Amino acid sequence: MYYVRLLILYLGYTSSIFLLVGLYKPWTMLWWEDVQNRKKVFQVYGTLLVVFYSIYWGLGFIK
């Protein structure tokens, strides 16, 4: 269970880095979308960030 929790944490770190890069240049992180703006970056990578950190936090209660 430790490695799953660590993987979720790394995915959270990755999504936070992608969020920061996307705020600087939205096209680099949303190249497949028709519309590349900062709002869309927040919607995609901000949601992933919240989901991964909440799963990481939730897995901390399971022993």
PDB file of N, CA and C in Angstrom:
ATOM      1  N   MET A   1       0.821  -1.191   0.000  1.00  0.00           N
ATOM      2  CA  MET A   1       0.000   0.000   0.000  1.00  0.00           C
ATOM      3  C   MET A   1       0.869   1.260   0.000  1.00  0.00           C
ATOM      4  N   TYR A   2       2.074   1.114   0.548  1.00  0.00           N
ATOM      5  CA  TYR A   2       2.987   2.254   0.590  1.00  0.00           C
ATOM      6  C   TYR A   2       3.335   2.727  -0.816  1.00  0.00           C
ATOM      7  N   TYR A   3       3.572   1.795  -1.722  1.00  0.00           N
ATOM      8  CA  TYR A   3       3.985   2.164  -3.080  1.00  0.00           C
ATOM      9  C   TYR A   3       2.842   2.768  -3.882  1.00  0.00           C
ATOM     10  N   VAL A   4       1.635   2.334  -3.631  1.00  0.00           N
ATOM     11  CA  VAL A   4       0.474   2.932  -4.292  1.00  0.00           C
ATOM     12  C   VAL A   4       0.306   4.372  -3.826  1.00  0.00           C
ATOM     13  N   ARG A   5       0.440   4.579  -2.532  1.00  0.00           N
ATOM     14  CA  ARG A   5       0.321   5.931  -1.989  1.00  0.00           C
ATOM     15  C   ARG A   5       1.437   6.830  -2.517  1.00  0.00           C
ATOM     16  N   LEU A   6       2.635   6.295  -2.648  1.00  0.00           N
ATOM     17  CA  LEU A   6       3.752   7.053  -3.196  1.00  0.00           C
ATOM     18  C   LEU A   6       3.526   7.390  -4.667  1.00  0.00           C
ATOM     19  N   LEU A   7       2.978   6.452  -5.421  1.00  0.00           N
ATOM     20  CA  LEU A   7       2.652   6.711  -6.828  1.00  0.00           C
ATOM     21  C   LEU A   7       1.624   7.820  -6.958  1.00  0.00           C
ATOM     22  N   ILE A   8       0.604   7.802  -6.123  1.00  0.00           N
ATOM     23  CA  ILE A   8      -0.421   8.851  -6.143  1.00  0.00           C
ATOM     24  C   ILE A   8       0.194  10.195  -5.790  1.00  0.00           C
ATOM     25  N   LEU A   9       1.113  10.211  -4.851  1.00  0.00           N
ATOM     26  CA  LEU A   9       1.792  11.460  -4.490  1.00  0.00           C
ATOM     27  C   LEU A   9       2.610  11.995  -5.661  1.00  0.00           C
ATOM     28  N   TYR A  10       3.334  11.119  -6.345  1.00  0.00           N
ATOM     29  CA  TYR A  10       4.115  11.553  -7.509  1.00  0.00           C
ATOM     30  C   TYR A  10       3.213  12.045  -8.637  1.00  0.00           C
ATOM     31  N   LEU A  11       2.078  11.421  -8.820  1.00  0.00           N
ATOM     32  CA  LEU A  11       1.127  11.903  -9.822  1.00  0.00           C
ATOM     33  C   LEU A  11       0.583  13.279  -9.437  1.00  0.00           C
ATOM     34  N   GLY A  12       0.397  13.510  -8.161  1.00  0.00           N
ATOM     35  CA  GLY A  12      -0.014  14.838  -7.694  1.00  0.00           C
ATOM     36  C   GLY A  12       1.060  15.883  -7.932  1.00  0.00           C
ATOM     37  N   TYR A  13       2.311  15.521  -7.662  1.00  0.00           N
ATOM     38  CA  TYR A  13       3.422  16.434  -7.950  1.00  0.00           C
ATOM     39  C   TYR A  13       3.508  16.745  -9.445  1.00  0.00           C
ATOM     40  N   THR A  14       3.334  15.719 -10.258  1.00  0.00           N
ATOM     41  CA  THR A  14       3.407  15.908 -11.702  1.00  0.00           C
ATOM     42  C   THR A  14       2.290  16.817 -12.193  1.00  0.00           C
ATOM     43  N   SER A  15       1.092  16.626 -11.687  1.00  0.00           N
ATOM     44  CA  SER A  15      -0.003  17.488 -12.119  1.00  0.00           C
ATOM     45  C   SER A  15       0.190  18.918 -11.636  1.00  0.00           C
ATOM     46  N   SER A  16       0.820  19.121 -10.483  1.00  0.00           N
ATOM     47  CA  SER A  16       1.083  20.488 -10.042  1.00  0.00           C
ATOM     48  C   SER A  16       2.142  21.152 -10.921  1.00  0.00           C
ATOM     49  N   ILE A  17       3.145  20.400 -11.344  1.00  0.00           N
ATOM     50  CA  ILE A  17       4.146  20.947 -12.266  1.00  0.00           C
ATOM     51  C   ILE A  17       3.504  21.265 -13.608  1.00  0.00           C
ATOM     52  N   PHE A  18       2.657  20.359 -14.099  1.00  0.00           N
ATOM     53  CA  PHE A  18       1.954  20.612 -15.359  1.00  0.00           C
ATOM     54  C   PHE A  18       1.045  21.832 -15.245  1.00  0.00           C
ATOM     55  N   LEU A  19       0.433  22.032 -14.089  1.00  0.00           N
ATOM     56  CA  LEU A  19      -0.413  23.201 -13.874  1.00  0.00           C
ATOM     57  C   LEU A  19       0.411  24.480 -13.961  1.00  0.00           C
ATOM     58  N   LEU A  20       1.572  24.492 -13.326  1.00  0.00           N
ATOM     59  CA  LEU A  20       2.419  25.686 -13.366  1.00  0.00           C
ATOM     60  C   LEU A  20       2.942  25.961 -14.771  1.00  0.00           C
ATOM     61  N   VAL A  21       3.343  24.913 -15.480  1.00  0.00           N
ATOM     62  CA  VAL A  21       3.808  25.095 -16.859  1.00  0.00           C
ATOM     63  C   VAL A  21       2.659  25.571 -17.737  1.00  0.00           C
ATOM     64  N   GLY A  22       1.483  25.022 -17.520  1.00  0.00           N
ATOM     65  CA  GLY A  22       0.319  25.412 -18.313  1.00  0.00           C
ATOM     66  C   GLY A  22      -0.132  26.830 -18.053  1.00  0.00           C
ATOM     67  N   LEU A  23       0.121  27.339 -16.861  1.00  0.00           N
ATOM     68  CA  LEU A  23      -0.219  28.736 -16.597  1.00  0.00           C
ATOM     69  C   LEU A  23       0.722  29.675 -17.325  1.00  0.00           C
ATOM     70  N   TYR A  24       1.921  29.240 -17.553  1.00  0.00           N
ATOM     71  CA  TYR A  24       2.876  30.063 -18.295  1.00  0.00           C
ATOM     72  C   TYR A  24       2.617  29.972 -19.800  1.00  0.00           C
ATOM     73  N   LYS A  25       2.524  28.769 -20.327  1.00  0.00           N
ATOM     74  CA  LYS A  25       2.250  28.541 -21.749  1.00  0.00           C
ATOM     75  C   LYS A  25       1.149  27.489 -21.867  1.00  0.00           C
ATOM     76  N   PRO A  26      -0.100  27.900 -21.998  1.00  0.00           N
ATOM     77  CA  PRO A  26      -1.196  26.929 -22.045  1.00  0.00           C
ATOM     78  C   PRO A  26      -1.114  25.967 -23.224  1.00  0.00           C
ATOM     79  N   TRP A  27      -0.547  26.389 -24.333  1.00  0.00           N
ATOM     80  CA  TRP A  27      -0.518  25.516 -25.507  1.00  0.00           C
ATOM     81  C   TRP A  27       0.339  24.279 -25.265  1.00  0.00           C
ATOM     82  N   THR A  28       1.396  24.399 -24.479  1.00  0.00           N
ATOM     83  CA  THR A  28       2.287  23.257 -24.265  1.00  0.00           C
ATOM     84  C   THR A  28       1.597  22.124 -23.514  1.00  0.00           C
ATOM     85  N   MET A  29       0.628  22.448 -22.659  1.00  0.00           N
ATOM     86  CA  MET A  29      -0.034  21.412 -21.880  1.00  0.00           C
ATOM     87  C   MET A  29      -1.386  21.012 -22.452  1.00  0.00           C
ATOM     88  N   LEU A  30      -1.954  21.813 -23.338  1.00  0.00           N
ATOM     89  CA  LEU A  30      -3.255  21.504 -23.931  1.00  0.00           C
ATOM     90  C   LEU A  30      -3.173  21.500 -25.450  1.00  0.00           C
ATOM     91  N   TRP A  31      -2.174  20.890 -26.000  1.00  0.00           N
ATOM     92  CA  TRP A  31      -1.964  20.918 -27.444  1.00  0.00           C
ATOM     93  C   TRP A  31      -3.047  20.170 -28.202  1.00  0.00           C
ATOM     94  N   TRP A  32      -3.758  19.248 -27.580  1.00  0.00           N
ATOM     95  CA  TRP A  32      -4.774  18.462 -28.275  1.00  0.00           C
ATOM     96  C   TRP A  32      -6.149  19.146 -28.269  1.00  0.00           C
ATOM     97  N   GLU A  33      -6.323  20.188 -27.463  1.00  0.00           N
ATOM     98  CA  GLU A  33      -7.610  20.878 -27.361  1.00  0.00           C
ATOM     99  C   GLU A  33      -7.740  21.944 -28.443  1.00  0.00           C
ATOM    100  N   ASP A  34      -8.989  22.270 -28.764  1.00  0.00           N
ATOM    101  CA  ASP A  34      -9.236  23.359 -29.710  1.00  0.00           C
ATOM    102  C   ASP A  34      -8.971  24.719 -29.068  1.00  0.00           C
ATOM    103  N   VAL A  35      -9.310  24.821 -27.800  1.00  0.00           N
ATOM    104  CA  VAL A  35      -9.117  26.069 -27.064  1.00  0.00           C
ATOM    105  C   VAL A  35      -8.048  25.834 -26.008  1.00  0.00           C
ATOM    106  N   GLN A  36      -6.985  26.625 -26.070  1.00  0.00           N
ATOM    107  CA  GLN A  36      -5.918  26.518 -25.071  1.00  0.00           C
ATOM    108  C   GLN A  36      -5.837  27.833 -24.309  1.00  0.00           C
ATOM    109  N   ASN A  37      -6.441  27.862 -23.127  1.00  0.00           N
ATOM    110  CA  ASN A  37      -6.340  29.048 -22.286  1.00  0.00           C
ATOM    111  C   ASN A  37      -6.091  28.622 -20.850  1.00  0.00           C
ATOM    112  N   ARG A  38      -5.844  29.595 -19.993  1.00  0.00           N
ATOM    113  CA  ARG A  38      -5.479  29.286 -18.615  1.00  0.00           C
ATOM    114  C   ARG A  38      -6.639  28.709 -17.817  1.00  0.00           C
ATOM    115  N   LYS A  39      -7.851  29.100 -18.180  1.00  0.00           N
ATOM    116  CA  LYS A  39      -9.024  28.547 -17.506  1.00  0.00           C
ATOM    117  C   LYS A  39      -9.122  27.041 -17.745  1.00  0.00           C
ATOM    118  N   LYS A  40      -8.864  26.625 -18.953  1.00  0.00           N
ATOM    119  CA  LYS A  40      -8.910  25.202 -19.289  1.00  0.00           C
ATOM    120  C   LYS A  40      -7.791  24.441 -18.583  1.00  0.00           C
ATOM    121  N   VAL A  41      -6.629  25.077 -18.434  1.00  0.00           N
ATOM    122  CA  VAL A  41      -5.524  24.454 -17.705  1.00  0.00           C
ATOM    123  C   VAL A  41      -5.937  24.225 -16.256  1.00  0.00           C
ATOM    124  N   PHE A  42      -6.587  25.213 -15.639  1.00  0.00           N
ATOM    125  CA  PHE A  42      -7.078  25.043 -14.271  1.00  0.00           C
ATOM    126  C   PHE A  42      -8.106  23.923 -14.190  1.00  0.00           C
ATOM    127  N   GLN A  43      -8.986  23.838 -15.184  1.00  0.00           N
ATOM    128  CA  GLN A  43     -10.015  22.803 -15.160  1.00  0.00           C
ATOM    129  C   GLN A  43      -9.409  21.409 -15.255  1.00  0.00           C
ATOM    130  N   VAL A  44      -8.461  21.222 -16.132  1.00  0.00           N
ATOM    131  CA  VAL A  44      -7.896  19.890 -16.348  1.00  0.00           C
ATOM    132  C   VAL A  44      -6.916  19.518 -15.246  1.00  0.00           C
ATOM    133  N   TYR A  45      -5.864  20.305 -15.099  1.00  0.00           N
ATOM    134  CA  TYR A  45      -4.792  19.932 -14.184  1.00  0.00           C
ATOM    135  C   TYR A  45      -5.088  20.307 -12.730  1.00  0.00           C
ATOM    136  N   GLY A  46      -5.904  21.314 -12.512  1.00  0.00           N
ATOM    137  CA  GLY A  46      -6.322  21.627 -11.149  1.00  0.00           C
ATOM    138  C   GLY A  46      -7.215  20.541 -10.571  1.00  0.00           C
ATOM    139  N   THR A  47      -8.105  20.016 -11.404  1.00  0.00           N
ATOM    140  CA  THR A  47      -8.954  18.909 -10.965  1.00  0.00           C
ATOM    141  C   THR A  47      -8.119  17.677 -10.663  1.00  0.00           C
ATOM    142  N   LEU A  48      -7.174  17.364 -11.538  1.00  0.00           N
ATOM    143  CA  LEU A  48      -6.290  16.223 -11.280  1.00  0.00           C
ATOM    144  C   LEU A  48      -5.492  16.414  -9.999  1.00  0.00           C
ATOM    145  N   LEU A  49      -5.026  17.624  -9.759  1.00  0.00           N
ATOM    146  CA  LEU A  49      -4.257  17.918  -8.557  1.00  0.00           C
ATOM    147  C   LEU A  49      -5.089  17.675  -7.304  1.00  0.00           C
ATOM    148  N   VAL A  50      -6.310  18.170  -7.288  1.00  0.00           N
ATOM    149  CA  VAL A  50      -7.186  17.988  -6.129  1.00  0.00           C
ATOM    150  C   VAL A  50      -7.529  16.518  -5.939  1.00  0.00           C
ATOM    151  N   VAL A  51      -7.802  15.814  -7.026  1.00  0.00           N
ATOM    152  CA  VAL A  51      -8.162  14.397  -6.936  1.00  0.00           C
ATOM    153  C   VAL A  51      -7.002  13.568  -6.403  1.00  0.00           C
ATOM    154  N   PHE A  52      -5.811  13.763  -6.951  1.00  0.00           N
ATOM    155  CA  PHE A  52      -4.669  12.963  -6.512  1.00  0.00           C
ATOM    156  C   PHE A  52      -4.284  13.244  -5.065  1.00  0.00           C
ATOM    157  N   TYR A  53      -4.311  14.519  -4.651  1.00  0.00           N
ATOM    158  CA  TYR A  53      -3.955  14.815  -3.269  1.00  0.00           C
ATOM    159  C   TYR A  53      -5.028  14.342  -2.288  1.00  0.00           C
ATOM    160  N   SER A  54      -6.281  14.374  -2.695  1.00  0.00           N
ATOM    161  CA  SER A  54      -7.315  13.861  -1.797  1.00  0.00           C
ATOM    162  C   SER A  54      -7.236  12.337  -1.686  1.00  0.00           C
ATOM    163  N   ILE A  55      -6.903  11.647  -2.775  1.00  0.00           N
ATOM    164  CA  ILE A  55      -6.703  10.200  -2.697  1.00  0.00           C
ATOM    165  C   ILE A  55      -5.500   9.879  -1.826  1.00  0.00           C
ATOM    166  N   TYR A  56      -4.422  10.635  -1.983  1.00  0.00           N
ATOM    167  CA  TYR A  56      -3.237  10.432  -1.154  1.00  0.00           C
ATOM    168  C   TYR A  56      -3.568  10.641   0.321  1.00  0.00           C
ATOM    169  N   TRP A  57      -4.309  11.684   0.607  1.00  0.00           N
ATOM    170  CA  TRP A  57      -4.690  11.966   1.977  1.00  0.00           C
ATOM    171  C   TRP A  57      -5.619  10.880   2.517  1.00  0.00           C
ATOM    172  N   GLY A  58      -6.548  10.420   1.680  1.00  0.00           N
ATOM    173  CA  GLY A  58      -7.476   9.385   2.095  1.00  0.00           C
ATOM    174  C   GLY A  58      -6.789   8.041   2.326  1.00  0.00           C
ATOM    175  N   LEU A  59      -5.801   7.736   1.522  1.00  0.00           N
ATOM    176  CA  LEU A  59      -5.071   6.487   1.723  1.00  0.00           C
ATOM    177  C   LEU A  59      -4.219   6.497   2.988  1.00  0.00           C
ATOM    178  N   GLY A  60      -3.950   7.682   3.513  1.00  0.00           N
ATOM    179  CA  GLY A  60      -3.194   7.777   4.758  1.00  0.00           C
ATOM    180  C   GLY A  60      -3.958   7.234   5.949  1.00  0.00           C
ATOM    181  N   PHE A  61      -5.289   7.209   5.865  1.00  0.00           N
ATOM    182  CA  PHE A  61      -6.104   6.682   6.964  1.00  0.00           C
ATOM    183  C   PHE A  61      -6.247   5.166   6.918  1.00  0.00           C
ATOM    184  N   ILE A  62      -5.948   4.576   5.763  1.00  0.00           N
ATOM    185  CA  ILE A  62      -6.053   3.126   5.634  1.00  0.00           C
ATOM    186  C   ILE A  62      -4.710   2.506   6.027  1.00  0.00           C
ATOM    187  N   LYS A  63      -4.723   1.653   6.947  1.00  0.00           N
ATOM    188  CA  LYS A  63      -3.476   1.013   7.389  1.00  0.00           C
ATOM    189  C   LYS A  63      -3.488  -0.440   7.050  1.00  0.00           C
TER     190      LYS A  63
END
